[in-house]
């Protein structure tokens, strides 16, 4: 082995976001605080299934896409710049042979 061929292990725990109870830390903490405030503080026990369902959704979201909150916040900041739908007043047609019948705007 040559000296420049050194390899270091990359542990996934260092690159993935922290999860609490299977969901993203900030969102689960906010859900727990609101649950305690409404259920124990105000005595609104009928809201317990709502908070449990919300936690289940946060766990599902944490499994599917751990960075979902960051992605949404980035989209919320930049969403007004990128319109995902095509417009009829397109002035820039695609080059010939590239996706015929579609425009790039």
Protein backbone atom coordinates (compact mmCIF):
# COMPACT_ATOMS: atom_id res chain seq x y z
CA UNK A 1 0.00 0.00 0.00
CA UNK A 2 1.42 3.35 -1.03
CA UNK A 3 1.35 6.25 1.45
CA UNK A 4 -1.15 8.25 -0.65
CA UNK A 5 -3.71 5.41 -0.73
CA UNK A 6 -4.89 5.99 2.81
CA UNK A 7 -8.62 5.59 3.34
CA UNK A 8 -10.76 6.75 6.20
CA UNK A 9 -14.11 5.22 7.07
CA UNK A 10 -17.17 7.43 6.64
CA UNK A 11 -19.76 6.72 9.27
CA UNK A 12 -23.38 7.45 8.21
CA UNK A 13 -24.21 8.75 11.68
CA UNK A 14 -21.95 11.73 10.98
CA UNK A 15 -23.73 12.74 7.77
CA UNK A 16 -27.40 12.05 8.58
CA UNK A 17 -29.57 14.43 10.63
CA UNK A 18 -30.37 13.66 14.26
CA UNK A 19 -33.69 11.90 14.72
CA UNK A 20 -35.71 11.84 17.93
CA UNK A 21 -38.16 8.96 18.23
CA UNK A 22 -37.83 8.40 14.47
CA UNK A 23 -38.59 11.97 13.34
CA UNK A 24 -36.57 15.11 12.81
CA UNK A 25 -35.45 16.57 16.11
CA UNK A 26 -36.93 20.08 15.83
CA UNK A 27 -40.29 18.94 14.50
CA UNK A 28 -40.71 16.16 17.08
CA UNK A 29 -39.78 18.56 19.88
CA UNK A 30 -42.32 21.11 18.63
CA UNK A 31 -44.99 18.40 18.36
CA UNK A 32 -44.22 17.22 21.91
CA UNK A 33 -44.30 20.72 23.37
CA UNK A 34 -47.62 21.50 21.69
CA UNK A 35 -49.04 18.14 22.78
CA UNK A 36 -48.09 18.76 26.41
CA UNK A 37 -49.44 22.32 26.26
CA UNK A 38 -52.79 21.37 24.76
CA UNK A 39 -53.37 18.00 26.41
CA UNK A 40 -51.90 18.36 29.90
CA UNK A 41 -52.03 22.14 30.16
CA UNK A 42 -55.44 22.93 28.71
CA UNK A 43 -57.01 19.50 29.31
CA UNK A 44 -57.91 18.95 25.66
CA UNK A 45 -57.53 15.17 25.73
CA UNK A 46 -59.46 14.70 22.50
CA UNK A 47 -56.41 16.11 20.64
CA UNK A 48 -54.23 13.13 21.63
CA UNK A 49 -54.98 11.16 18.40
CA UNK A 50 -54.12 14.25 16.36
CA UNK A 51 -50.68 14.58 17.94
CA UNK A 52 -50.05 10.82 17.69
CA UNK A 53 -50.99 10.89 13.99
CA UNK A 54 -48.73 13.89 13.46
CA UNK A 55 -45.87 12.06 15.13
CA UNK A 56 -46.52 9.02 12.94
CA UNK A 57 -46.36 11.26 9.88
CA UNK A 58 -43.07 12.77 11.13
CA UNK A 59 -41.61 9.27 11.57
CA UNK A 60 -42.73 8.32 8.05
CA UNK A 61 -41.21 11.52 6.67
CA UNK A 62 -37.98 10.87 8.58
CA UNK A 63 -37.67 7.44 6.98
CA UNK A 64 -38.49 8.56 3.44
CA UNK A 65 -36.50 11.82 3.37
CA UNK A 66 -34.57 12.86 6.49
CA UNK A 67 -33.86 16.32 5.03
CA UNK A 68 -37.50 17.08 4.14
CA UNK A 69 -37.74 20.22 6.33
CA UNK A 70 -34.57 21.69 4.85
CA UNK A 71 -35.76 20.91 1.33
CA UNK A 72 -39.13 22.53 2.00
CA UNK A 73 -37.55 25.63 3.54
CA UNK A 74 -35.20 25.98 0.57
CA UNK A 75 -38.15 25.68 -1.82
CA UNK A 76 -40.16 28.19 0.22
CA UNK A 77 -37.34 30.73 -0.11
CA UNK A 78 -36.72 30.13 -3.82
CA UNK A 79 -40.14 28.95 -5.04
CA UNK A 80 -41.06 32.32 -6.50
CA UNK A 81 -38.07 32.15 -8.86
CA UNK A 82 -38.76 28.76 -10.41
CA UNK A 83 -42.14 28.09 -11.98
CA UNK A 84 -42.56 24.34 -12.57
CA UNK A 85 -45.26 24.72 -15.24
CA UNK A 86 -44.63 25.44 -18.93
CA UNK A 87 -45.78 28.75 -20.37
CA UNK A 88 -47.37 29.31 -23.76
CA UNK A 89 -45.37 32.47 -24.50
CA UNK A 90 -42.08 30.60 -24.79
CA UNK A 91 -39.44 32.31 -26.92
CA UNK A 92 -36.67 29.74 -26.58
CA UNK A 93 -37.50 26.50 -28.38
CA UNK A 94 -35.33 23.47 -27.75
CA UNK A 95 -32.75 22.43 -30.33
CA UNK A 96 -34.06 20.22 -33.11
CA UNK A 97 -34.16 16.55 -32.22
CA UNK A 98 -34.17 17.24 -28.47
CA UNK A 99 -37.57 16.37 -26.97
CA UNK A 100 -39.61 17.31 -30.04
CA UNK A 101 -42.80 19.16 -29.26
CA UNK A 102 -41.61 20.43 -25.88
CA UNK A 103 -40.19 23.81 -24.97
CA UNK A 104 -37.68 24.54 -22.24
CA UNK A 105 -39.58 27.32 -20.49
